[in-house]
Amino acid sequence: MSKVLFIAFAIEDVRQRDLLKGQSLHPRVPYEFIDMSVKEP
């Protein structure tokens, strides 16, 4: 059973979001990263 995690962040924290997204590319991480960020204000 997979777990769902919701992460909200301020636009100033986009670098931390990018780091988490990069970590998700590793084959042994226990999660999948789905980016549903708003791309336009």
C-alpha atoms as a PDB file:
ATOM      1  CA  MET A   1       0.000   0.000   0.000  1.00  0.00           C
ATOM      2  CA  SER A   2       1.449   3.361  -0.984  1.00  0.00           C
ATOM      3  CA  LYS A   3       1.246   6.427   1.200  1.00  0.00           C
ATOM      4  CA  VAL A   4       0.185   9.839   0.013  1.00  0.00           C
ATOM      5  CA  LEU A   5       1.951  12.934   1.252  1.00  0.00           C
ATOM      6  CA  PHE A   6       0.910  16.513   0.549  1.00  0.00           C
ATOM      7  CA  ILE A   7       3.622  19.143   0.712  1.00  0.00           C
ATOM      8  CA  ALA A   8       2.795  22.840   0.497  1.00  0.00           C
ATOM      9  CA  PHE A   9       5.557  25.386   0.082  1.00  0.00           C
ATOM     10  CA  ALA A  10       6.065  29.081  -0.558  1.00  0.00           C
ATOM     11  CA  ILE A  11       7.606  30.065  -3.856  1.00  0.00           C
ATOM     12  CA  GLU A  12      10.689  31.188  -1.922  1.00  0.00           C
ATOM     13  CA  ASP A  13      11.229  27.514  -0.986  1.00  0.00           C
ATOM     14  CA  VAL A  14      11.317  26.230  -4.552  1.00  0.00           C
ATOM     15  CA  ARG A  15      14.959  25.144  -4.103  1.00  0.00           C
ATOM     16  CA  GLN A  16      13.993  22.709  -1.330  1.00  0.00           C
ATOM     17  CA  ARG A  17      11.177  21.380  -3.532  1.00  0.00           C
ATOM     18  CA  ASP A  18      13.694  20.817  -6.320  1.00  0.00           C
ATOM     19  CA  LEU A  19      16.002  18.906  -3.947  1.00  0.00           C
ATOM     20  CA  LEU A  20      13.150  16.602  -2.920  1.00  0.00           C
ATOM     21  CA  LYS A  21      12.239  16.088  -6.561  1.00  0.00           C
ATOM     22  CA  GLY A  22      15.861  15.218  -7.366  1.00  0.00           C
ATOM     23  CA  GLN A  23      16.013  12.688  -4.542  1.00  0.00           C
ATOM     24  CA  SER A  24      12.899  10.984  -5.902  1.00  0.00           C
ATOM     25  CA  LEU A  25      14.835  10.014  -9.031  1.00  0.00           C
ATOM     26  CA  HIS A  26      16.966   7.586  -7.030  1.00  0.00           C
ATOM     27  CA  PRO A  27      15.667   4.016  -7.563  1.00  0.00           C
ATOM     28  CA  ARG A  28      15.687   3.107  -3.840  1.00  0.00           C
ATOM     29  CA  VAL A  29      13.561   5.952  -2.438  1.00  0.00           C
ATOM     30  CA  PRO A  30      10.287   4.777  -0.873  1.00  0.00           C
ATOM     31  CA  TYR A  31       8.162   7.438  -2.558  1.00  0.00           C
ATOM     32  CA  GLU A  32       7.125   8.785  -5.926  1.00  0.00           C
ATOM     33  CA  PHE A  33       7.200  12.532  -6.554  1.00  0.00           C
ATOM     34  CA  ILE A  34       4.286  14.026  -8.469  1.00  0.00           C
ATOM     35  CA  ASP A  35       4.631  17.773  -8.975  1.00  0.00           C
ATOM     36  CA  MET A  36       1.277  19.528  -9.016  1.00  0.00           C
ATOM     37  CA  SER A  37       2.697  23.013  -8.494  1.00  0.00           C
ATOM     38  CA  VAL A  38       0.907  25.965 -10.002  1.00  0.00           C
ATOM     39  CA  LYS A  39       3.113  27.146 -12.826  1.00  0.00           C
ATOM     40  CA  GLU A  40       1.505  30.585 -13.270  1.00  0.00           C
ATOM     41  CA  PRO A  41       0.445  33.113 -10.618  1.00  0.00           C
END
